[in-house]
Amino acid sequence: MKKSLKVLGFFFLFGSVVNAQKVDFQELTLDNGLHVILHQDKSAPVIITSVMYHVGAKDENPQRTGFAHFFEHLLFEGTKNIGRGEWMKLVSSNGGTNNANTTDDRTYYFEVFPSNNLELGLWMESERLMHPVINQIGVDTQNEVVKEEKRLRYDNQPYGQFLAEIKRHLFKKHPYRWTTIGAMEHLDAATLKEFQEFNAKFYVPNNAVLVVAGDFEFDTAVKWIKQYFGPIKKGANIKRETFVEEPIMETIKATFEDPNIQIPAVFACYRTPSMKTRDARVLDMISTYLSNGKSSKLYKKMVDDEKSALQVGAFSFSQEDYGAYILFAVPIGTNTTESMLTDIDEEINKLQTGLISEKDFQKLQNIYENKFVNNVANVEKVAENLAAFYLLYGDVNLINNEADIYRSITREDIKEVAKKHLNSNQRLVLDYIAPKDNAKN
């Protein structure tokens, strides 16, 4: 009886922890269309100022790929009131850090400052939006930076081309068919006017969300936001084209030679629905079940028990319009990529024909509960999630409600989603190999 009471007490305690982690926020929209989200967290004397723009690789001209990622770099070059090369110095000299990242769907910039530098962070982001300096010197400088990044992260990185190859074969019409890094020949061919026009079209207040999170006072933050962002002119409405892919009805087979590897790999890849759908969230849970940690099904079977794979994994590459569900394996010894695929398919088939055990399902739920608690405990992550849920999902309240969606997923849902989306005739099988003179004997 005492043991039962202790267990019951734990669940009550855990439930209160989850409820206590509710993220409170306030919203307003300026006359120029800039949406603002404010989240107060006084647990540490830190402030995050961040802006997410609804522009990513999918918004590019097919002959000018890489523009969105290029701007991730270019908009650190300087502004009318921040000299070239001074941005980073200004941040670091005031005790802050900053960064940016780009996906197919959005670009995100942020600063982390001691809380007494809120005004500085807001002014800097307003400068990036209102007064960017886009000239030939900056374009030429960042062109070399991006080329070096491509060489290090893609061209010369073992298995660095796998995502580019997957996207190229999974998508025929949608701009997801190219990578965020883009093609260097497109950047080389672009004129300064094209870069300036891209900025004028997408880097406007009505295509962005500003998030302020951390230790601040609401009235003061709103006053400075209106002071620095209010005068920025609204941009023209952006018309976005809808791209619809035909369903994959039979297996797509492809081969890619990577000169940077000696051991081959195999990728089984499925085109999946938007990250906003319930199915995408079920696929997240399937990925966790299959390859999260050493006790996961694929790792335990292929790496630990059979010792047939050097590495194996599954992940859901979720995006705004479509997703890609990717499974991969690297064989060891005399094992082949064909046998890797057979082993992977056996685990998928188990998901499609039966229910996972109650024990495994409880483990999944525990993993996601822990994830939700960790996400709202980190103010930087909260800021990014608030921006993404507003801009990409259209529902800021998902910061608190998305956990309920995952909690509502059942073992039956896992089975049905696997049957719906993970069939062998609906996928790409990519043999990722070394050139013959490179292959390990």
Protein backbone atom coordinates (compact mmCIF):
# COMPACT_ATOMS: atom_id res chain seq x y z
CA MET A 1 0.00 0.00 0.00
CA LYS A 2 2.81 2.39 0.92
CA LYS A 3 4.53 1.61 -2.36
CA SER A 4 1.33 2.36 -4.29
CA LEU A 5 0.95 5.66 -2.47
CA LYS A 6 4.54 6.58 -3.32
CA VAL A 7 3.96 5.81 -7.00
CA LEU A 8 0.72 7.76 -6.98
CA GLY A 9 2.48 10.63 -5.26
CA PHE A 10 5.17 10.61 -7.94
CA PHE A 11 2.61 10.96 -10.72
CA PHE A 12 0.87 13.82 -8.93
CA LEU A 13 4.24 15.48 -8.43
CA PHE A 14 5.25 14.91 -12.04
CA GLY A 15 1.94 16.29 -13.25
CA SER A 16 2.38 19.42 -11.16
CA VAL A 17 5.89 19.89 -12.60
CA VAL A 18 4.52 19.69 -16.14
CA ASN A 19 1.72 22.13 -15.34
CA ALA A 20 4.16 24.49 -13.60
CA GLN A 21 6.19 24.62 -16.80
CA LYS A 22 3.38 26.31 -18.74
CA VAL A 23 4.81 29.06 -20.92
CA ASP A 24 3.03 32.38 -20.49
CA PHE A 25 3.34 34.93 -23.28
CA GLN A 26 1.78 38.10 -24.60
CA GLU A 27 1.32 39.12 -28.23
CA LEU A 28 0.88 42.32 -30.19
CA THR A 29 1.12 43.32 -33.82
CA LEU A 30 2.57 46.64 -34.95
CA ASP A 31 0.92 48.71 -37.67
CA ASN A 32 3.60 47.59 -40.14
CA GLY A 33 2.60 43.94 -39.65
CA LEU A 34 5.45 42.87 -37.37
CA HIS A 35 4.13 40.32 -34.92
CA VAL A 36 5.64 40.46 -31.43
CA ILE A 37 5.67 37.76 -28.76
CA LEU A 38 6.83 38.52 -25.22
CA HIS A 39 7.75 35.82 -22.71
CA GLN A 40 8.88 36.90 -19.26
CA ASP A 41 11.22 34.60 -17.34
CA LYS A 42 13.05 36.15 -14.40
CA SER A 43 14.83 32.97 -13.31
CA ALA A 44 18.14 34.35 -14.66
CA PRO A 45 19.34 37.86 -15.60
CA VAL A 46 19.34 37.03 -19.31
CA ILE A 47 17.43 38.38 -22.29
CA ILE A 48 16.90 36.91 -25.77
CA THR A 49 16.00 39.15 -28.69
CA SER A 50 15.21 37.18 -31.81
CA VAL A 51 13.59 37.61 -35.20
CA MET A 52 12.35 34.80 -37.43
CA TYR A 53 11.66 35.58 -41.07
CA HIS A 54 9.31 33.46 -43.16
CA VAL A 55 11.89 32.90 -45.88
CA GLY A 56 13.95 29.82 -46.54
CA ALA A 57 15.39 27.80 -49.38
CA LYS A 58 11.93 26.97 -50.71
CA ASP A 59 11.35 30.66 -51.51
CA GLU A 60 14.26 30.87 -53.93
CA ASN A 61 14.41 31.07 -57.70
CA PRO A 62 15.48 27.60 -58.96
CA GLN A 63 18.30 29.37 -60.81
CA ARG A 64 19.38 31.25 -57.71
CA THR A 65 19.46 28.63 -54.98
CA GLY A 66 21.25 29.34 -51.73
CA PHE A 67 19.98 32.92 -51.36
CA ALA A 68 18.23 32.45 -48.00
CA HIS A 69 21.27 30.82 -46.41
CA PHE A 70 23.49 33.46 -48.01
CA PHE A 71 21.46 36.16 -46.27
CA GLU A 72 21.96 34.39 -42.96
CA HIS A 73 25.59 35.46 -43.40
CA LEU A 74 25.13 38.68 -45.37
CA LEU A 75 22.96 40.41 -42.79
CA PHE A 76 25.80 40.31 -40.29
CA GLU A 77 27.91 42.48 -42.60
CA GLY A 78 26.69 45.71 -41.07
CA THR A 79 24.03 48.39 -41.25
CA LYS A 80 23.78 52.12 -41.76
CA ASN A 81 24.65 52.63 -38.08
CA ILE A 82 26.76 49.53 -37.38
CA GLY A 83 29.99 49.53 -39.33
CA ARG A 84 31.19 46.63 -41.42
CA GLY A 85 32.76 44.01 -39.15
CA GLU A 86 31.43 45.70 -36.00
CA TRP A 87 28.34 43.56 -35.36
CA MET A 88 30.10 40.74 -33.52
CA LYS A 89 32.33 43.16 -31.62
CA LEU A 90 29.30 45.10 -30.42
CA VAL A 91 27.63 41.94 -29.16
CA SER A 92 30.68 40.46 -27.42
CA SER A 93 31.78 43.75 -25.84
CA ASN A 94 28.37 43.93 -24.17
CA GLY A 95 28.56 40.44 -22.73
CA GLY A 96 26.40 38.79 -25.36
CA THR A 97 26.40 36.04 -27.93
CA ASN A 98 24.52 35.77 -31.21
CA ASN A 99 23.87 33.43 -34.07
CA ALA A 100 21.54 32.60 -36.95
CA ASN A 101 20.35 29.55 -38.86
CA THR A 102 18.40 28.79 -42.01
CA THR A 103 16.08 25.97 -43.05
CA ASP A 104 13.99 25.31 -46.12
CA ASP A 105 11.18 27.29 -44.47
CA ARG A 106 12.59 30.13 -42.34
CA THR A 107 15.63 32.14 -41.24
CA TYR A 108 16.25 32.86 -37.55
CA TYR A 109 18.50 35.47 -35.93
CA PHE A 110 19.00 35.89 -32.20
CA GLU A 111 21.09 37.58 -29.50
CA VAL A 112 21.55 36.51 -25.88
CA PHE A 113 22.48 39.41 -23.61
CA PRO A 114 22.61 40.22 -19.92
CA SER A 115 19.15 41.55 -19.19
CA ASN A 116 20.36 45.16 -18.89
CA ASN A 117 21.06 45.11 -22.64
CA LEU A 118 17.51 44.57 -23.87
CA GLU A 119 17.44 47.93 -25.62
CA LEU A 120 20.69 47.18 -27.42
CA GLY A 121 19.39 43.83 -28.70
CA LEU A 122 16.17 45.39 -29.96
CA TRP A 123 18.01 48.25 -31.64
CA MET A 124 20.42 45.86 -33.39
CA GLU A 125 17.63 43.67 -34.79
CA SER A 126 15.72 46.76 -35.92
CA GLU A 127 18.89 47.95 -37.66
CA ARG A 128 19.22 44.62 -39.45
CA LEU A 129 15.65 45.03 -40.69
CA MET A 130 15.60 48.75 -41.44
CA HIS A 131 19.13 49.68 -42.48
CA PRO A 132 21.04 46.68 -43.85
CA VAL A 133 24.03 47.53 -46.01
CA ILE A 134 24.00 45.21 -49.01
CA ASN A 135 26.92 46.10 -51.24
CA GLN A 136 29.37 44.29 -53.50
CA ILE A 137 32.08 44.11 -50.82
CA GLY A 138 29.77 42.25 -48.46
CA VAL A 139 28.47 39.95 -51.19
CA ASP A 140 31.98 39.04 -52.33
CA THR A 141 33.17 38.44 -48.78
CA GLN A 142 30.25 36.20 -47.81
CA ASN A 143 30.46 34.34 -51.12
CA GLU A 144 33.86 33.05 -50.06
CA VAL A 145 32.60 32.27 -46.55
CA VAL A 146 29.69 30.21 -47.92
CA LYS A 147 31.95 28.38 -50.37
CA GLU A 148 34.26 27.39 -47.54
CA GLU A 149 31.28 26.22 -45.47
CA LYS A 150 30.07 24.09 -48.38
CA ARG A 151 33.52 22.52 -48.79
CA LEU A 152 33.81 21.70 -45.09
CA ARG A 153 30.25 20.56 -44.33
CA TYR A 154 29.22 18.95 -47.62
CA ASP A 155 31.83 18.46 -50.34
CA ASN A 156 34.66 17.12 -48.14
CA GLN A 157 32.59 15.62 -45.32
CA PRO A 158 32.11 11.82 -45.34
CA TYR A 159 28.46 11.09 -46.18
CA GLY A 160 27.99 14.87 -46.49
CA GLN A 161 25.93 14.65 -49.68
CA PHE A 162 23.25 12.23 -48.51
CA LEU A 163 20.54 14.79 -47.79
CA ALA A 164 21.08 16.61 -51.09
CA GLU A 165 20.67 13.32 -52.95
CA ILE A 166 17.58 12.34 -50.98
CA LYS A 167 15.89 15.68 -51.61
CA ARG A 168 16.78 15.59 -55.29
CA HIS A 169 15.00 12.26 -55.77
CA LEU A 170 12.06 12.66 -53.36
CA PHE A 171 10.90 16.02 -54.73
CA LYS A 172 10.30 16.74 -58.39
CA LYS A 173 8.19 19.91 -58.29
CA HIS A 174 8.63 21.36 -54.81
CA PRO A 175 11.61 23.63 -54.01
CA TYR A 176 12.53 21.19 -51.26
CA ARG A 177 14.38 19.43 -54.07
CA TRP A 178 17.47 21.54 -53.42
CA THR A 179 19.47 22.14 -50.25
CA THR A 180 19.73 25.31 -48.17
CA ILE A 181 23.42 25.70 -49.04
CA GLY A 182 22.39 25.96 -52.69
CA ALA A 183 24.56 25.89 -55.79
CA MET A 184 27.72 27.97 -55.82
CA GLU A 185 27.36 28.71 -59.52
CA HIS A 186 24.00 30.34 -58.76
CA LEU A 187 25.56 32.61 -56.15
CA ASP A 188 28.47 33.42 -58.47
CA ALA A 189 26.08 34.39 -61.26
CA ALA A 190 23.83 36.56 -59.08
CA THR A 191 24.01 40.32 -59.40
CA LEU A 192 24.06 42.79 -56.54
CA LYS A 193 20.62 43.96 -57.66
CA GLU A 194 19.23 40.43 -57.24
CA PHE A 195 20.48 40.28 -53.66
CA GLN A 196 18.99 43.68 -52.92
CA GLU A 197 15.64 42.66 -54.42
CA PHE A 198 15.58 39.46 -52.37
CA ASN A 199 16.13 41.49 -49.23
CA ALA A 200 13.44 44.01 -50.14
CA LYS A 201 10.92 41.25 -50.79
CA PHE A 202 11.40 38.96 -47.80
CA TYR A 203 13.11 40.92 -45.02
CA VAL A 204 10.12 43.05 -44.15
CA PRO A 205 8.22 43.39 -40.85
CA ASN A 206 5.04 41.77 -42.14
CA ASN A 207 7.05 38.63 -43.00
CA ALA A 208 8.60 38.28 -39.56
CA VAL A 209 7.99 37.66 -35.88
CA LEU A 210 9.98 39.30 -33.07
CA VAL A 211 10.34 37.35 -29.82
CA VAL A 212 11.64 38.83 -26.59
CA ALA A 213 12.19 36.27 -23.84
CA GLY A 214 13.81 36.44 -20.43
CA ASP A 215 14.24 38.95 -17.65
CA PHE A 216 12.52 42.20 -18.67
CA GLU A 217 9.60 44.47 -17.85
CA PHE A 218 6.67 44.39 -20.29
CA ASP A 219 5.99 48.12 -20.44
CA THR A 220 9.63 48.96 -21.07
CA ALA A 221 10.00 46.26 -23.74
CA VAL A 222 6.86 47.38 -25.59
CA LYS A 223 8.00 51.02 -25.51
CA TRP A 224 11.37 50.15 -27.06
CA ILE A 225 9.84 47.76 -29.59
CA LYS A 226 7.50 50.48 -30.84
CA GLN A 227 10.32 53.01 -30.81
CA TYR A 228 12.76 50.95 -32.87
CA PHE A 229 10.53 48.74 -35.02
CA GLY A 230 7.46 50.97 -35.41
CA PRO A 231 9.00 53.31 -38.03
CA ILE A 232 9.98 50.44 -40.37
CA LYS A 233 7.82 50.41 -43.49
CA LYS A 234 5.55 47.51 -44.25
CA GLY A 235 6.56 45.42 -47.24
CA ALA A 236 4.47 44.26 -50.17
CA ASN A 237 2.36 41.17 -49.51
CA ILE A 238 4.24 38.03 -50.49
CA LYS A 239 2.50 35.65 -52.86
CA ARG A 240 3.58 32.07 -52.31
CA GLU A 241 3.13 29.34 -54.87
CA THR A 242 1.73 25.96 -53.83
CA PHE A 243 3.64 22.91 -55.06
CA VAL A 244 1.93 19.51 -55.05
CA GLU A 245 3.97 16.34 -55.48
CA GLU A 246 2.50 13.25 -57.09
CA PRO A 247 2.39 10.25 -54.72
CA ILE A 248 5.29 7.81 -55.00
CA MET A 249 3.76 4.57 -56.28
CA GLU A 250 6.84 2.43 -56.86
CA THR A 251 10.31 2.26 -55.37
CA ILE A 252 12.76 4.86 -56.62
CA LYS A 253 16.27 3.41 -56.84
CA ALA A 254 19.32 5.65 -56.95
CA THR A 255 23.07 5.42 -56.43
CA PHE A 256 25.51 8.09 -55.38
CA GLU A 257 29.32 7.86 -55.28
CA ASP A 258 30.98 9.78 -52.45
CA PRO A 259 34.78 10.07 -52.83
CA ASN A 260 35.08 10.81 -49.10
CA ILE A 261 34.00 7.37 -47.91
CA GLN A 262 35.25 3.79 -47.94
CA ILE A 263 32.28 2.05 -46.34
CA PRO A 264 28.93 2.23 -48.15
CA ALA A 265 25.59 3.14 -46.62
CA VAL A 266 21.97 2.59 -47.55
CA PHE A 267 19.14 5.07 -47.08
CA ALA A 268 15.43 4.21 -47.19
CA CYS A 269 13.49 7.46 -47.54
CA TYR A 270 9.78 8.22 -47.61
CA ARG A 271 8.02 11.47 -48.52
CA THR A 272 5.72 12.33 -45.61
CA PRO A 273 3.13 14.99 -44.71
CA SER A 274 3.71 18.47 -43.30
CA MET A 275 5.18 18.79 -39.82
CA LYS A 276 1.89 20.42 -38.81
CA THR A 277 0.00 17.13 -39.14
CA ARG A 278 -0.68 14.54 -36.47
CA ASP A 279 0.91 11.87 -38.68
CA ALA A 280 4.22 13.77 -38.65
CA ARG A 281 4.22 13.66 -34.87
CA VAL A 282 3.49 9.93 -34.89
CA LEU A 283 6.45 9.48 -37.23
CA ASP A 284 8.59 11.35 -34.71
CA MET A 285 7.62 8.77 -32.10
CA ILE A 286 8.38 5.93 -34.52
CA SER A 287 11.87 7.37 -35.04
CA THR A 288 12.42 7.47 -31.31
CA TYR A 289 11.19 3.90 -30.94
CA LEU A 290 13.48 2.64 -33.71
CA SER A 291 16.72 4.49 -33.06
CA ASN A 292 16.80 6.66 -29.96
CA GLY A 293 19.66 5.34 -27.87
CA LYS A 294 21.35 1.98 -27.50
CA SER A 295 18.20 0.22 -26.27
CA SER A 296 16.19 1.24 -29.36
CA LYS A 297 15.01 -1.51 -31.70
CA LEU A 298 17.31 -0.97 -34.69
CA TYR A 299 20.43 -0.22 -32.66
CA LYS A 300 19.98 -3.18 -30.33
CA LYS A 301 19.24 -5.57 -33.17
CA MET A 302 21.79 -4.52 -35.79
CA VAL A 303 24.63 -3.00 -33.76
CA ASP A 304 24.51 -4.85 -30.44
CA ASP A 305 22.98 -8.28 -31.10
CA GLU A 306 23.79 -9.10 -34.72
CA LYS A 307 26.83 -6.81 -34.94
CA SER A 308 26.02 -6.33 -38.61
CA ALA A 309 25.92 -2.53 -38.66
CA LEU A 310 28.49 0.07 -37.74
CA GLN A 311 25.72 2.62 -37.45
CA VAL A 312 21.95 2.63 -37.93
CA GLY A 313 19.28 5.25 -37.42
CA ALA A 314 15.92 6.73 -38.28
CA PHE A 315 14.74 10.32 -38.19
CA SER A 316 11.84 12.40 -39.38
CA PHE A 317 13.01 15.43 -41.36
CA SER A 318 9.86 17.50 -40.89
CA GLN A 319 9.15 20.66 -42.84
CA GLU A 320 6.33 23.12 -43.40
CA ASP A 321 4.90 21.62 -46.60
CA TYR A 322 6.23 18.06 -46.72
CA GLY A 323 8.59 15.92 -44.72
CA ALA A 324 11.07 13.16 -45.37
CA TYR A 325 11.29 10.07 -43.19
CA ILE A 326 14.81 8.67 -43.41
CA LEU A 327 16.24 5.34 -42.24
CA PHE A 328 19.90 4.49 -42.80
CA ALA A 329 22.52 1.89 -42.01
CA VAL A 330 26.25 1.48 -42.48
CA PRO A 331 27.29 -2.21 -42.67
CA ILE A 332 30.31 -3.68 -40.95
CA GLY A 333 32.56 -6.51 -42.07
CA THR A 334 31.15 -8.68 -44.84
CA ASN A 335 27.58 -7.50 -44.35
CA THR A 336 25.95 -5.75 -47.29
CA THR A 337 23.66 -2.78 -47.72
CA GLU A 338 21.03 -5.22 -49.03
CA SER A 339 21.06 -7.13 -45.75
CA MET A 340 20.87 -3.82 -43.87
CA LEU A 341 17.71 -2.92 -45.77
CA THR A 342 16.21 -6.34 -45.05
CA ASP A 343 16.80 -5.90 -41.32
CA ILE A 344 15.28 -2.41 -41.36
CA ASP A 345 12.25 -3.64 -43.28
CA GLU A 346 11.69 -6.41 -40.74
CA GLU A 347 11.32 -3.83 -37.98
CA ILE A 348 9.02 -1.66 -40.10
CA ASN A 349 6.91 -4.71 -40.87
CA LYS A 350 6.54 -5.43 -37.14
CA LEU A 351 5.22 -1.92 -36.65
CA GLN A 352 2.74 -2.35 -39.50
CA THR A 353 1.38 -5.73 -38.43
CA GLY A 354 1.29 -5.55 -34.65
CA LEU A 355 1.25 -3.20 -31.69
CA ILE A 356 4.41 -2.23 -29.87
CA SER A 357 4.53 -3.51 -26.31
CA GLU A 358 2.99 -1.57 -23.44
CA LYS A 359 6.46 -1.35 -21.89
CA ASP A 360 7.98 0.19 -25.03
CA PHE A 361 5.04 2.55 -25.37
CA GLN A 362 5.43 3.74 -21.79
CA LYS A 363 9.12 4.32 -22.44
CA LEU A 364 8.22 6.44 -25.47
CA GLN A 365 5.79 8.51 -23.45
CA ASN A 366 8.41 9.06 -20.75
CA ILE A 367 10.95 10.23 -23.32
CA TYR A 368 8.53 12.79 -24.74
CA GLU A 369 7.41 14.02 -21.33
CA ASN A 370 11.05 14.63 -20.49
CA LYS A 371 11.54 16.40 -23.80
CA PHE A 372 8.61 18.76 -23.16
CA VAL A 373 9.88 19.66 -19.70
CA ASN A 374 13.40 20.33 -21.02
CA ASN A 375 12.12 22.44 -23.91
CA VAL A 376 10.27 24.88 -21.67
CA ALA A 377 13.10 24.99 -19.11
CA ASN A 378 15.50 26.58 -21.61
CA VAL A 379 14.59 30.20 -22.37
CA GLU A 380 16.55 30.23 -25.64
CA LYS A 381 14.61 27.18 -26.85
CA VAL A 382 11.35 28.75 -25.69
CA ALA A 383 12.08 31.87 -27.75
CA GLU A 384 12.76 29.84 -30.90
CA ASN A 385 9.70 27.63 -30.39
CA LEU A 386 7.42 30.63 -29.86
CA ALA A 387 8.64 32.09 -33.14
CA ALA A 388 8.29 28.82 -35.07
CA PHE A 389 4.86 27.94 -33.71
CA TYR A 390 3.57 31.35 -34.76
CA LEU A 391 5.29 31.66 -38.13
CA LEU A 392 5.22 28.09 -39.43
CA TYR A 393 2.41 26.38 -37.54
CA GLY A 394 0.09 29.37 -37.17
CA ASP A 395 -0.58 28.61 -33.51
CA VAL A 396 1.61 30.03 -30.74
CA ASN A 397 -0.38 28.06 -28.16
CA LEU A 398 1.31 24.88 -29.41
CA ILE A 399 4.15 25.85 -27.07
CA ASN A 400 1.85 24.49 -24.36
CA ASN A 401 -0.58 22.29 -26.29
CA GLU A 402 1.68 20.23 -28.55
CA ALA A 403 2.50 17.94 -25.64
CA ASP A 404 -1.18 16.99 -25.50
CA ILE A 405 -1.06 15.92 -29.15
CA TYR A 406 1.83 13.57 -28.44
CA ARG A 407 0.15 12.29 -25.28
CA SER A 408 -2.96 11.42 -27.31
CA ILE A 409 -1.02 9.20 -29.72
CA THR A 410 -1.79 5.52 -29.20
CA ARG A 411 -0.13 2.25 -30.09
CA GLU A 412 -2.83 1.82 -32.73
CA ASP A 413 -1.87 5.20 -34.23
CA ILE A 414 1.73 4.06 -34.53
CA LYS A 415 0.65 0.93 -36.38
CA GLU A 416 -1.69 2.79 -38.75
CA VAL A 417 0.80 5.56 -39.59
CA ALA A 418 3.51 2.99 -40.31
CA LYS A 419 1.10 1.17 -42.64
CA LYS A 420 0.12 4.43 -44.32
CA HIS A 421 3.50 6.05 -44.92
CA LEU A 422 6.32 3.45 -44.64
CA ASN A 423 5.63 1.04 -47.48
CA SER A 424 8.39 -0.23 -49.75
CA ASN A 425 6.65 0.95 -52.93
CA GLN A 426 6.44 4.51 -51.56
CA ARG A 427 10.11 5.15 -51.03
CA LEU A 428 13.51 6.01 -52.36
CA VAL A 429 16.30 3.50 -51.79
CA LEU A 430 19.62 5.29 -52.09
CA ASP A 431 22.79 3.25 -52.31
CA TYR A 432 25.47 5.56 -51.05
CA ILE A 433 28.78 4.08 -52.15
CA ALA A 434 32.47 4.77 -52.51
CA PRO A 435 34.02 4.94 -55.97
CA LYS A 436 35.38 1.52 -56.93
CA ASP A 437 39.01 2.51 -56.48
CA ASN A 438 38.08 3.91 -53.04
CA ALA A 439 36.03 1.03 -51.68
CA LYS A 440 37.29 -0.93 -48.70
CA ASN A 441 38.33 -4.46 -49.58
